[in-house]
Amino acid sequence: MAAREMTVELGGARFIVTPADTDAARELAACLPVELDMAELNGNEKYAYLDDPLPVAAESPERIEAGDVMLFGDDCLVLFYEGHRTSYRYTRIGRIEDASGLSASVGGGSVHATWSL
């Protein structure tokens, strides 16, 4: 069974995250709410390390889309705000279905994010 719908608040905007049907998504949902300061990386993603590891079921998506929420390794939560090709492996957490305005909300540096149910 998939985790419940999540939300993330970034830069004053609220986005709905549809969770993936993964153990990692379910365990993250069970830990919410959580506030994270997410750092900038590569002009296309924000990331933050979690206090506790999540289950890993990594795959190579080849293409990342704006709004994808992934787990890198077992404790690095990544929110992608620009699409791109990738050779890295991630565990899928979920997806922001309506990512319009996401890039503007996260800005160019780090961003404070509130993840909740």
Protein backbone atom coordinates (compact mmCIF):
# COMPACT_ATOMS: atom_id res chain seq x y z
CA MET A 1 0.00 0.00 0.00
CA ALA A 2 1.32 3.45 -0.92
CA ALA A 3 2.02 6.08 1.71
CA ARG A 4 -0.46 8.88 2.28
CA GLU A 5 -0.20 12.05 0.23
CA MET A 6 2.48 14.39 1.56
CA THR A 7 3.00 18.12 1.29
CA VAL A 8 6.14 20.20 1.16
CA GLU A 9 6.23 23.93 1.87
CA LEU A 10 9.07 25.83 0.21
CA GLY A 11 9.58 29.57 -0.03
CA GLY A 12 5.98 30.28 0.98
CA ALA A 13 4.48 27.88 -1.58
CA ARG A 14 2.85 24.53 -0.79
CA PHE A 15 3.17 21.52 -3.10
CA ILE A 16 1.38 18.18 -2.95
CA VAL A 17 3.59 15.10 -3.24
CA THR A 18 2.04 11.88 -4.53
CA PRO A 19 4.07 9.14 -2.83
CA ALA A 20 5.62 6.21 -4.63
CA ASP A 21 4.69 2.68 -3.60
CA THR A 22 8.02 2.07 -1.85
CA ASP A 23 9.06 1.17 1.68
CA ALA A 24 11.17 4.35 1.73
CA ALA A 25 8.13 6.54 0.99
CA ARG A 26 6.07 4.78 3.66
CA GLU A 27 8.82 5.15 6.29
CA LEU A 28 9.39 8.81 5.42
CA ALA A 29 5.63 9.46 5.76
CA ALA A 30 5.68 7.78 9.19
CA CYS A 31 8.36 10.28 10.33
CA LEU A 32 6.49 13.41 9.24
CA PRO A 33 6.29 16.25 9.97
CA VAL A 34 9.93 17.19 9.52
CA GLU A 35 11.67 20.48 8.77
CA LEU A 36 14.84 20.42 6.67
CA ASP A 37 17.24 23.02 5.39
CA MET A 38 17.82 21.78 1.86
CA ALA A 39 21.07 22.76 0.12
CA GLU A 40 21.46 23.59 -3.57
CA LEU A 41 23.25 21.26 -5.98
CA ASN A 42 23.89 21.49 -9.74
CA GLY A 43 21.23 24.11 -10.46
CA ASN A 44 18.55 21.42 -10.56
CA GLU A 45 18.09 19.94 -7.09
CA LYS A 46 17.81 20.59 -3.37
CA TYR A 47 18.96 17.96 -0.88
CA ALA A 48 19.15 17.31 2.84
CA TYR A 49 20.39 14.44 4.96
CA LEU A 50 17.84 12.72 7.16
CA ASP A 51 18.52 11.76 10.77
CA ASP A 52 17.71 8.11 10.14
CA PRO A 53 18.25 5.90 7.08
CA LEU A 54 15.35 4.73 4.94
CA PRO A 55 15.01 1.42 3.04
CA VAL A 56 16.79 1.42 -0.30
CA ALA A 57 15.40 0.07 -3.58
CA ALA A 58 17.62 2.07 -5.91
CA GLU A 59 17.09 2.13 -9.64
CA SER A 60 18.51 4.14 -12.50
CA PRO A 61 15.71 6.36 -13.80
CA GLU A 62 17.87 7.72 -16.67
CA ARG A 63 15.70 10.87 -16.75
CA ILE A 64 14.71 13.06 -13.81
CA GLU A 65 11.69 15.36 -14.10
CA ALA A 66 10.96 18.56 -12.20
CA GLY A 67 9.01 17.54 -9.11
CA ASP A 68 10.67 14.16 -8.60
CA VAL A 69 11.43 13.37 -4.94
CA MET A 70 14.11 10.72 -4.55
CA LEU A 71 16.37 9.14 -1.97
CA PHE A 72 20.08 9.06 -2.78
CA GLY A 73 21.84 6.39 -0.75
CA ASP A 74 19.82 5.63 2.35
CA ASP A 75 19.58 9.05 4.00
CA CYS A 76 19.75 11.86 1.43
CA LEU A 77 16.36 13.28 0.45
CA VAL A 78 16.49 15.00 -2.95
CA LEU A 79 13.89 17.28 -4.52
CA PHE A 80 14.48 17.99 -8.20
CA TYR A 81 13.22 21.28 -9.56
CA GLU A 82 14.61 20.96 -13.12
CA GLY A 83 14.54 17.95 -15.42
CA HIS A 84 17.73 16.34 -16.70
CA ARG A 85 19.33 13.03 -17.67
CA THR A 86 21.19 11.10 -14.98
CA SER A 87 23.29 7.99 -14.52
CA TYR A 88 22.84 7.98 -10.73
CA ARG A 89 20.69 5.48 -8.86
CA TYR A 90 17.84 6.61 -6.59
CA THR A 91 15.01 5.16 -4.56
CA ARG A 92 11.74 6.81 -5.56
CA ILE A 93 9.92 8.67 -2.78
CA GLY A 94 7.25 10.46 -4.81
CA ARG A 95 6.44 13.21 -7.24
CA ILE A 96 5.04 16.71 -7.14
CA GLU A 97 2.39 16.39 -9.84
CA ASP A 98 2.03 20.14 -10.43
CA ALA A 99 5.61 21.43 -10.36
CA SER A 100 4.74 24.80 -11.90
CA GLY A 101 6.30 27.47 -9.72
CA LEU A 102 8.60 24.97 -8.02
CA SER A 103 11.81 26.43 -9.44
CA ALA A 104 10.84 29.96 -8.38
CA SER A 105 9.87 28.76 -4.88
CA VAL A 106 13.19 27.07 -4.16
CA GLY A 107 15.38 29.94 -5.38
CA GLY A 108 19.10 29.73 -6.07
CA GLY A 109 20.49 28.85 -2.65
CA SER A 110 19.44 26.70 0.24
CA VAL A 111 15.76 26.59 1.16
CA HIS A 112 13.85 25.71 4.30
CA ALA A 113 11.38 22.90 3.63
CA THR A 114 8.54 21.66 5.82
CA TRP A 115 7.44 18.12 4.89
CA SER A 116 4.12 16.95 6.34
CA LEU A 117 1.05 14.77 5.78
